[in-house]
Amino acid sequence: MNYPYRENLEVFGDSSEQWIRCSRCSHMLCRVGEDWKAVSKKRTFPPTHAGVLMQALEDGYRLEKFYCPSCGALLDSDLAEKSVGAQSSG
């Protein structure tokens, strides 16, 4: 049995064991209840990567994008506060 979890992610399994997997390539990320973002490929960008109107946020925030480590499908995007001394990559 499988059902959608969020865009490009689904829950797969039966009543005894369920996994979160990529709905594009079926790559198993983790068991339900575990942090799927921890096993995803993460890239960090300045907020302006989402658009020029985000320029006011450059000093205090970063844009994080999470991808399937197998096929590269975009799983999520977050705007997160920068930690002291954090650098952007991209």
PDB file of N, CA and C in Angstrom:
ATOM      1  N   MET A   1       0.841  -1.171   0.000  1.00  0.00           N
ATOM      2  CA  MET A   1       0.000   0.000   0.000  1.00  0.00           C
ATOM      3  C   MET A   1       0.893   1.243   0.000  1.00  0.00           C
ATOM      4  N   ASN A   2       0.505   2.233  -0.769  1.00  0.00           N
ATOM      5  CA  ASN A   2       1.208   3.512  -0.736  1.00  0.00           C
ATOM      6  C   ASN A   2       0.197   4.639  -0.882  1.00  0.00           C
ATOM      7  N   TYR A   3       0.559   5.800  -0.312  1.00  0.00           N
ATOM      8  CA  TYR A   3      -0.298   6.971  -0.409  1.00  0.00           C
ATOM      9  C   TYR A   3       0.582   8.221  -0.350  1.00  0.00           C
ATOM     10  N   PRO A   4       0.106   9.335  -0.933  1.00  0.00           N
ATOM     11  CA  PRO A   4       0.911  10.561  -0.976  1.00  0.00           C
ATOM     12  C   PRO A   4       1.197  11.083   0.431  1.00  0.00           C
ATOM     13  N   TYR A   5       2.416  11.565   0.618  1.00  0.00           N
ATOM     14  CA  TYR A   5       2.827  12.168   1.881  1.00  0.00           C
ATOM     15  C   TYR A   5       2.918  13.682   1.718  1.00  0.00           C
ATOM     16  N   ARG A   6       3.559  14.107   0.661  1.00  0.00           N
ATOM     17  CA  ARG A   6       3.653  15.501   0.227  1.00  0.00           C
ATOM     18  C   ARG A   6       4.173  15.457  -1.203  1.00  0.00           C
ATOM     19  N   GLU A   7       4.356  16.596  -1.845  1.00  0.00           N
ATOM     20  CA  GLU A   7       4.792  16.582  -3.238  1.00  0.00           C
ATOM     21  C   GLU A   7       6.098  15.814  -3.390  1.00  0.00           C
ATOM     22  N   ASN A   8       6.126  14.865  -4.304  1.00  0.00           N
ATOM     23  CA  ASN A   8       7.269  14.012  -4.636  1.00  0.00           C
ATOM     24  C   ASN A   8       7.670  13.046  -3.521  1.00  0.00           C
ATOM     25  N   LEU A   9       6.837  12.903  -2.494  1.00  0.00           N
ATOM     26  CA  LEU A   9       7.082  11.915  -1.437  1.00  0.00           C
ATOM     27  C   LEU A   9       5.819  11.106  -1.212  1.00  0.00           C
ATOM     28  N   GLU A  10       6.005   9.828  -0.872  1.00  0.00           N
ATOM     29  CA  GLU A  10       4.868   8.984  -0.548  1.00  0.00           C
ATOM     30  C   GLU A  10       5.236   8.031   0.578  1.00  0.00           C
ATOM     31  N   VAL A  11       4.215   7.533   1.252  1.00  0.00           N
ATOM     32  CA  VAL A  11       4.395   6.504   2.272  1.00  0.00           C
ATOM     33  C   VAL A  11       4.161   5.169   1.595  1.00  0.00           C
ATOM     34  N   PHE A  12       5.063   4.235   1.850  1.00  0.00           N
ATOM     35  CA  PHE A  12       5.013   2.926   1.212  1.00  0.00           C
ATOM     36  C   PHE A  12       5.181   1.858   2.291  1.00  0.00           C
ATOM     37  N   GLY A  13       4.412   0.805   2.196  1.00  0.00           N
ATOM     38  CA  GLY A  13       4.579  -0.303   3.121  1.00  0.00           C
ATOM     39  C   GLY A  13       3.255  -0.935   3.494  1.00  0.00           C
ATOM     40  N   ASP A  14       3.278  -1.662   4.603  1.00  0.00           N
ATOM     41  CA  ASP A  14       2.074  -2.304   5.111  1.00  0.00           C
ATOM     42  C   ASP A  14       1.876  -1.908   6.564  1.00  0.00           C
ATOM     43  N   SER A  15       0.971  -2.569   7.252  1.00  0.00           N
ATOM     44  CA  SER A  15       0.670  -2.187   8.632  1.00  0.00           C
ATOM     45  C   SER A  15       1.826  -2.440   9.592  1.00  0.00           C
ATOM     46  N   SER A  16       2.771  -3.297   9.222  1.00  0.00           N
ATOM     47  CA  SER A  16       3.885  -3.607  10.123  1.00  0.00           C
ATOM     48  C   SER A  16       5.085  -2.676   9.924  1.00  0.00           C
ATOM     49  N   GLU A  17       5.257  -2.154   8.722  1.00  0.00           N
ATOM     50  CA  GLU A  17       6.409  -1.283   8.454  1.00  0.00           C
ATOM     51  C   GLU A  17       6.075  -0.328   7.315  1.00  0.00           C
ATOM     52  N   GLN A  18       6.308   0.968   7.558  1.00  0.00           N
ATOM     53  CA  GLN A  18       6.044   1.972   6.538  1.00  0.00           C
ATOM     54  C   GLN A  18       7.265   2.850   6.351  1.00  0.00           C
ATOM     55  N   TRP A  19       7.520   3.188   5.096  1.00  0.00           N
ATOM     56  CA  TRP A  19       8.686   3.986   4.716  1.00  0.00           C
ATOM     57  C   TRP A  19       8.228   5.232   3.975  1.00  0.00           C
ATOM     58  N   ILE A  20       9.038   6.273   4.050  1.00  0.00           N
ATOM     59  CA  ILE A  20       8.858   7.447   3.205  1.00  0.00           C
ATOM     60  C   ILE A  20       9.813   7.282   2.032  1.00  0.00           C
ATOM     61  N   ARG A  21       9.278   7.415   0.829  1.00  0.00           N
ATOM     62  CA  ARG A  21      10.117   7.243  -0.363  1.00  0.00           C
ATOM     63  C   ARG A  21       9.789   8.310  -1.392  1.00  0.00           C
ATOM     64  N   CYS A  22      10.711   8.497  -2.319  1.00  0.00           N
ATOM     65  CA  CYS A  22      10.521   9.415  -3.430  1.00  0.00           C
ATOM     66  C   CYS A  22       9.453   8.831  -4.350  1.00  0.00           C
ATOM     67  N   SER A  23       8.468   9.627  -4.691  1.00  0.00           N
ATOM     68  CA  SER A  23       7.409   9.125  -5.574  1.00  0.00           C
ATOM     69  C   SER A  23       7.825   9.139  -7.040  1.00  0.00           C
ATOM     70  N   ARG A  24       8.958   9.751  -7.349  1.00  0.00           N
ATOM     71  CA  ARG A  24       9.459   9.756  -8.726  1.00  0.00           C
ATOM     72  C   ARG A  24      10.255   8.493  -9.046  1.00  0.00           C
ATOM     73  N   CYS A  25      11.173   8.116  -8.142  1.00  0.00           N
ATOM     74  CA  CYS A  25      12.073   6.990  -8.444  1.00  0.00           C
ATOM     75  C   CYS A  25      11.955   5.832  -7.453  1.00  0.00           C
ATOM     76  N   SER A  26      11.103   5.970  -6.430  1.00  0.00           N
ATOM     77  CA  SER A  26      10.865   4.941  -5.398  1.00  0.00           C
ATOM     78  C   SER A  26      12.048   4.722  -4.460  1.00  0.00           C
ATOM     79  N   HIS A  27      12.996   5.667  -4.411  1.00  0.00           N
ATOM     80  CA  HIS A  27      14.121   5.562  -3.477  1.00  0.00           C
ATOM     81  C   HIS A  27      13.604   5.692  -2.051  1.00  0.00           C
ATOM     82  N   MET A  28      13.936   4.699  -1.205  1.00  0.00           N
ATOM     83  CA  MET A  28      13.514   4.708   0.195  1.00  0.00           C
ATOM     84  C   MET A  28      14.391   5.687   0.976  1.00  0.00           C
ATOM     85  N   LEU A  29      13.767   6.646   1.638  1.00  0.00           N
ATOM     86  CA  LEU A  29      14.505   7.649   2.399  1.00  0.00           C
ATOM     87  C   LEU A  29      14.649   7.251   3.862  1.00  0.00           C
ATOM     88  N   CYS A  30      13.539   6.904   4.514  1.00  0.00           N
ATOM     89  CA  CYS A  30      13.586   6.556   5.934  1.00  0.00           C
ATOM     90  C   CYS A  30      12.247   5.942   6.338  1.00  0.00           C
ATOM     91  N   ARG A  31      12.193   5.413   7.543  1.00  0.00           N
ATOM     92  CA  ARG A  31      10.932   4.919   8.077  1.00  0.00           C
ATOM     93  C   ARG A  31      10.044   6.106   8.458  1.00  0.00           C
ATOM     94  N   VAL A  32       8.737   5.903   8.416  1.00  0.00           N
ATOM     95  CA  VAL A  32       7.795   6.919   8.862  1.00  0.00           C
ATOM     96  C   VAL A  32       8.115   7.260  10.315  1.00  0.00           C
ATOM     97  N   GLY A  33       8.144   8.532  10.626  1.00  0.00           N
ATOM     98  CA  GLY A  33       8.482   8.994  11.966  1.00  0.00           C
ATOM     99  C   GLY A  33       9.919   9.463  12.090  1.00  0.00           C
ATOM    100  N   GLU A  34      10.766   9.098  11.130  1.00  0.00           N
ATOM    101  CA  GLU A  34      12.150   9.567  11.113  1.00  0.00           C
ATOM    102  C   GLU A  34      12.232  10.831  10.256  1.00  0.00           C
ATOM    103  N   ASP A  35      13.352  11.522  10.325  1.00  0.00           N
ATOM    104  CA  ASP A  35      13.541  12.787   9.619  1.00  0.00           C
ATOM    105  C   ASP A  35      14.030  12.547   8.192  1.00  0.00           C
ATOM    106  N   TRP A  36      13.126  12.637   7.221  1.00  0.00           N
ATOM    107  CA  TRP A  36      13.505  12.390   5.826  1.00  0.00           C
ATOM    108  C   TRP A  36      14.428  13.490   5.297  1.00  0.00           C
ATOM    109  N   LYS A  37      14.362  14.688   5.878  1.00  0.00           N
ATOM    110  CA  LYS A  37      15.254  15.757   5.422  1.00  0.00           C
ATOM    111  C   LYS A  37      16.711  15.444   5.757  1.00  0.00           C
ATOM    112  N   ALA A  38      16.939  14.711   6.836  1.00  0.00           N
ATOM    113  CA  ALA A  38      18.307  14.375   7.249  1.00  0.00           C
ATOM    114  C   ALA A  38      19.005  13.474   6.234  1.00  0.00           C
ATOM    115  N   VAL A  39      18.255  12.716   5.467  1.00  0.00           N
ATOM    116  CA  VAL A  39      18.862  11.807   4.484  1.00  0.00           C
ATOM    117  C   VAL A  39      18.723  12.331   3.055  1.00  0.00           C
ATOM    118  N   SER A  40      18.133  13.515   2.916  1.00  0.00           N
ATOM    119  CA  SER A  40      17.999  14.136   1.601  1.00  0.00           C
ATOM    120  C   SER A  40      19.277  14.888   1.253  1.00  0.00           C
ATOM    121  N   LYS A  41      19.439  15.174  -0.011  1.00  0.00           N
ATOM    122  CA  LYS A  41      20.531  16.037  -0.475  1.00  0.00           C
ATOM    123  C   LYS A  41      20.064  17.477  -0.254  1.00  0.00           C
ATOM    124  N   LYS A  42      20.871  18.270   0.473  1.00  0.00           N
ATOM    125  CA  LYS A  42      20.482  19.649   0.782  1.00  0.00           C
ATOM    126  C   LYS A  42      21.443  20.621   0.114  1.00  0.00           C
ATOM    127  N   ARG A  43      20.867  21.652  -0.485  1.00  0.00           N
ATOM    128  CA  ARG A  43      21.654  22.755  -1.040  1.00  0.00           C
ATOM    129  C   ARG A  43      21.141  24.044  -0.433  1.00  0.00           C
ATOM    130  N   THR A  44      22.056  24.964  -0.193  1.00  0.00           N
ATOM    131  CA  THR A  44      21.728  26.235   0.432  1.00  0.00           C
ATOM    132  C   THR A  44      22.014  27.371  -0.543  1.00  0.00           C
ATOM    133  N   PHE A  45      21.081  28.320  -0.596  1.00  0.00           N
ATOM    134  CA  PHE A  45      21.171  29.448  -1.516  1.00  0.00           C
ATOM    135  C   PHE A  45      20.845  30.735  -0.762  1.00  0.00           C
ATOM    136  N   PRO A  46      21.238  31.883  -1.319  1.00  0.00           N
ATOM    137  CA  PRO A  46      20.746  33.144  -0.759  1.00  0.00           C
ATOM    138  C   PRO A  46      19.242  33.245  -1.050  1.00  0.00           C
ATOM    139  N   PRO A  47      18.491  33.994  -0.239  1.00  0.00           N
ATOM    140  CA  PRO A  47      17.049  34.109  -0.459  1.00  0.00           C
ATOM    141  C   PRO A  47      16.675  34.631  -1.845  1.00  0.00           C
ATOM    142  N   THR A  48      17.548  35.430  -2.464  1.00  0.00           N
ATOM    143  CA  THR A  48      17.245  35.983  -3.783  1.00  0.00           C
ATOM    144  C   THR A  48      17.177  34.916  -4.870  1.00  0.00           C
ATOM    145  N   HIS A  49      17.598  33.701  -4.559  1.00  0.00           N
ATOM    146  CA  HIS A  49      17.443  32.583  -5.504  1.00  0.00           C
ATOM    147  C   HIS A  49      15.951  32.334  -5.776  1.00  0.00           C
ATOM    148  N   ALA A  50      15.099  32.711  -4.826  1.00  0.00           N
ATOM    149  CA  ALA A  50      13.648  32.561  -4.979  1.00  0.00           C
ATOM    150  C   ALA A  50      13.013  33.780  -5.647  1.00  0.00           C
ATOM    151  N   GLY A  51      13.787  34.839  -5.825  1.00  0.00           N
ATOM    152  CA  GLY A  51      13.260  36.034  -6.479  1.00  0.00           C
ATOM    153  C   GLY A  51      13.853  37.294  -5.888  1.00  0.00           C
ATOM    154  N   VAL A  52      13.892  38.332  -6.684  1.00  0.00           N
ATOM    155  CA  VAL A  52      14.537  39.584  -6.289  1.00  0.00           C
ATOM    156  C   VAL A  52      13.831  40.242  -5.102  1.00  0.00           C
ATOM    157  N   LEU A  53      12.547  39.988  -4.903  1.00  0.00           N
ATOM    158  CA  LEU A  53      11.823  40.581  -3.783  1.00  0.00           C
ATOM    159  C   LEU A  53      12.304  40.038  -2.434  1.00  0.00           C
ATOM    160  N   MET A  54      13.073  38.991  -2.437  1.00  0.00           N
ATOM    161  CA  MET A  54      13.599  38.405  -1.204  1.00  0.00           C
ATOM    162  C   MET A  54      14.903  39.071  -0.764  1.00  0.00           C
ATOM    163  N   GLN A  55      15.341  40.094  -1.471  1.00  0.00           N
ATOM    164  CA  GLN A  55      16.624  40.746  -1.181  1.00  0.00           C
ATOM    165  C   GLN A  55      16.700  41.282   0.249  1.00  0.00           C
ATOM    166  N   ALA A  56      15.602  41.734   0.790  1.00  0.00           N
ATOM    167  CA  ALA A  56      15.592  42.275   2.153  1.00  0.00           C
ATOM    168  C   ALA A  56      15.925  41.215   3.206  1.00  0.00           C
ATOM    169  N   LEU A  57      15.852  39.945   2.852  1.00  0.00           N
ATOM    170  CA  LEU A  57      16.095  38.853   3.796  1.00  0.00           C
ATOM    171  C   LEU A  57      17.515  38.294   3.732  1.00  0.00           C
ATOM    172  N   GLU A  58      18.340  38.797   2.827  1.00  0.00           N
ATOM    173  CA  GLU A  58      19.670  38.220   2.604  1.00  0.00           C
ATOM    174  C   GLU A  58      20.554  38.181   3.839  1.00  0.00           C
ATOM    175  N   ASP A  59      20.468  39.190   4.693  1.00  0.00           N
ATOM    176  CA  ASP A  59      21.365  39.241   5.850  1.00  0.00           C
ATOM    177  C   ASP A  59      21.002  38.241   6.945  1.00  0.00           C
ATOM    178  N   GLY A  60      19.741  37.879   7.060  1.00  0.00           N
ATOM    179  CA  GLY A  60      19.340  37.032   8.175  1.00  0.00           C
ATOM    180  C   GLY A  60      18.833  35.652   7.832  1.00  0.00           C
ATOM    181  N   TYR A  61      18.648  35.366   6.536  1.00  0.00           N
ATOM    182  CA  TYR A  61      18.044  34.088   6.149  1.00  0.00           C
ATOM    183  C   TYR A  61      18.802  33.421   5.011  1.00  0.00           C
ATOM    184  N   ARG A  62      18.515  32.137   4.843  1.00  0.00           N
ATOM    185  CA  ARG A  62      19.035  31.372   3.713  1.00  0.00           C
ATOM    186  C   ARG A  62      17.904  30.490   3.183  1.00  0.00           C
ATOM    187  N   LEU A  63      17.967  30.172   1.924  1.00  0.00           N
ATOM    188  CA  LEU A  63      17.002  29.284   1.287  1.00  0.00           C
ATOM    189  C   LEU A  63      17.607  27.899   1.233  1.00  0.00           C
ATOM    190  N   GLU A  64      16.927  26.909   1.818  1.00  0.00           N
ATOM    191  CA  GLU A  64      17.402  25.523   1.794  1.00  0.00           C
ATOM    192  C   GLU A  64      16.476  24.711   0.903  1.00  0.00           C
ATOM    193  N   LYS A  65      17.076  23.957   0.001  1.00  0.00           N
ATOM    194  CA  LYS A  65      16.307  23.080  -0.879  1.00  0.00           C
ATOM    195  C   LYS A  65      16.752  21.651  -0.628  1.00  0.00           C
ATOM    196  N   PHE A  66      15.778  20.759  -0.525  1.00  0.00           N
ATOM    197  CA  PHE A  66      16.030  19.350  -0.243  1.00  0.00           C
ATOM    198  C   PHE A  66      15.628  18.513  -1.457  1.00  0.00           C
ATOM    199  N   TYR A  67      16.548  17.636  -1.875  1.00  0.00           N
ATOM    200  CA  TYR A  67      16.373  16.845  -3.087  1.00  0.00           C
ATOM    201  C   TYR A  67      16.482  15.353  -2.779  1.00  0.00           C
ATOM    202  N   CYS A  68      15.869  14.533  -3.616  1.00  0.00           N
ATOM    203  CA  CYS A  68      16.042  13.083  -3.521  1.00  0.00           C
ATOM    204  C   CYS A  68      17.504  12.771  -3.836  1.00  0.00           C
ATOM    205  N   PRO A  69      18.175  11.993  -2.992  1.00  0.00           N
ATOM    206  CA  PRO A  69      19.580  11.682  -3.255  1.00  0.00           C
ATOM    207  C   PRO A  69      19.779  10.739  -4.443  1.00  0.00           C
ATOM    208  N   SER A  70      18.702  10.126  -4.917  1.00  0.00           N
ATOM    209  CA  SER A  70      18.816   9.196  -6.040  1.00  0.00           C
ATOM    210  C   SER A  70      18.542   9.864  -7.390  1.00  0.00           C
ATOM    211  N   CYS A  71      17.403  10.561  -7.505  1.00  0.00           N
ATOM    212  CA  CYS A  71      17.028  11.115  -8.811  1.00  0.00           C
ATOM    213  C   CYS A  71      17.088  12.640  -8.882  1.00  0.00           C
ATOM    214  N   GLY A  72      17.224  13.308  -7.738  1.00  0.00           N
ATOM    215  CA  GLY A  72      17.329  14.757  -7.728  1.00  0.00           C
ATOM    216  C   GLY A  72      16.011  15.507  -7.726  1.00  0.00           C
ATOM    217  N   ALA A  73      14.883  14.812  -7.554  1.00  0.00           N
ATOM    218  CA  ALA A  73      13.587  15.498  -7.503  1.00  0.00           C
ATOM    219  C   ALA A  73      13.552  16.435  -6.300  1.00  0.00           C
ATOM    220  N   LEU A  74      13.002  17.623  -6.490  1.00  0.00           N
ATOM    221  CA  LEU A  74      12.868  18.581  -5.395  1.00  0.00           C
ATOM    222  C   LEU A  74      11.803  18.088  -4.429  1.00  0.00           C
ATOM    223  N   LEU A  75      12.169  17.956  -3.145  1.00  0.00           N
ATOM    224  CA  LEU A  75      11.255  17.454  -2.127  1.00  0.00           C
ATOM    225  C   LEU A  75      10.694  18.567  -1.251  1.00  0.00           C
ATOM    226  N   ASP A  76      11.475  19.614  -1.014  1.00  0.00           N
ATOM    227  CA  ASP A  76      11.014  20.691  -0.147  1.00  0.00           C
ATOM    228  C   ASP A  76      11.950  21.885  -0.268  1.00  0.00           C
ATOM    229  N   SER A  77      11.427  23.056   0.077  1.00  0.00           N
ATOM    230  CA  SER A  77      12.211  24.289   0.167  1.00  0.00           C
ATOM    231  C   SER A  77      11.828  24.973   1.463  1.00  0.00           C
ATOM    232  N   ASP A  78      12.826  25.465   2.189  1.00  0.00           N
ATOM    233  CA  ASP A  78      12.592  26.166   3.452  1.00  0.00           C
ATOM    234  C   ASP A  78      13.369  27.470   3.463  1.00  0.00           C
ATOM    235  N   LEU A  79      12.799  28.467   4.095  1.00  0.00           N
ATOM    236  CA  LEU A  79      13.514  29.696   4.372  1.00  0.00           C
ATOM    237  C   LEU A  79      13.912  29.611   5.839  1.00  0.00           C
ATOM    238  N   ALA A  80      15.210  29.558   6.124  1.00  0.00           N
ATOM    239  CA  ALA A  80      15.706  29.339   7.484  1.00  0.00           C
ATOM    240  C   ALA A  80      16.580  30.499   7.921  1.00  0.00           C
ATOM    241  N   GLU A  81      16.549  30.768   9.211  1.00  0.00           N
ATOM    242  CA  GLU A  81      17.419  31.803   9.764  1.00  0.00           C
ATOM    243  C   GLU A  81      18.864  31.360   9.658  1.00  0.00           C
ATOM    244  N   LYS A  82      19.738  32.307   9.335  1.00  0.00           N
ATOM    245  CA  LYS A  82      21.160  32.010   9.280  1.00  0.00           C
ATOM    246  C   LYS A  82      21.687  31.837  10.699  1.00  0.00           C
ATOM    247  N   SER A  83      22.587  30.891  10.865  1.00  0.00           N
ATOM    248  CA  SER A  83      23.304  30.776  12.120  1.00  0.00           C
ATOM    249  C   SER A  83      24.448  31.776  12.098  1.00  0.00           C
ATOM    250  N   VAL A  84      24.943  32.154  13.242  1.00  0.00           N
ATOM    251  CA  VAL A  84      26.075  33.078  13.304  1.00  0.00           C
ATOM    252  C   VAL A  84      27.257  32.432  12.601  1.00  0.00           C
ATOM    253  N   GLY A  85      27.812  33.124  11.621  1.00  0.00           N
ATOM    254  CA  GLY A  85      28.965  32.617  10.884  1.00  0.00           C
ATOM    255  C   GLY A  85      28.611  31.670   9.748  1.00  0.00           C
ATOM    256  N   ALA A  86      27.335  31.458   9.456  1.00  0.00           N
ATOM    257  CA  ALA A  86      26.954  30.538   8.379  1.00  0.00           C
ATOM    258  C   ALA A  86      27.270  31.156   7.023  1.00  0.00           C
ATOM    259  N   GLN A  87      27.652  30.312   6.084  1.00  0.00           N
ATOM    260  CA  GLN A  87      27.958  30.728   4.723  1.00  0.00           C
ATOM    261  C   GLN A  87      26.981  30.085   3.777  1.00  0.00           C
ATOM    262  N   SER A  88      26.650  30.767   2.696  1.00  0.00           N
ATOM    263  CA  SER A  88      25.804  30.193   1.654  1.00  0.00           C
ATOM    264  C   SER A  88      26.644  29.510   0.624  1.00  0.00           C
ATOM    265  N   SER A  89      26.089  28.441   0.044  1.00  0.00           N
ATOM    266  CA  SER A  89      26.766  27.747  -1.055  1.00  0.00           C
ATOM    267  C   SER A  89      25.780  27.588  -2.183  1.00  0.00           C
ATOM    268  N   GLY A  90      26.278  27.298  -3.330  1.00  0.00           N
ATOM    269  CA  GLY A  90      25.299  27.102  -4.379  1.00  0.00           C
ATOM    270  C   GLY A  90      25.959  27.114  -5.662  1.00  0.00           C
TER     271      GLY A  90
END
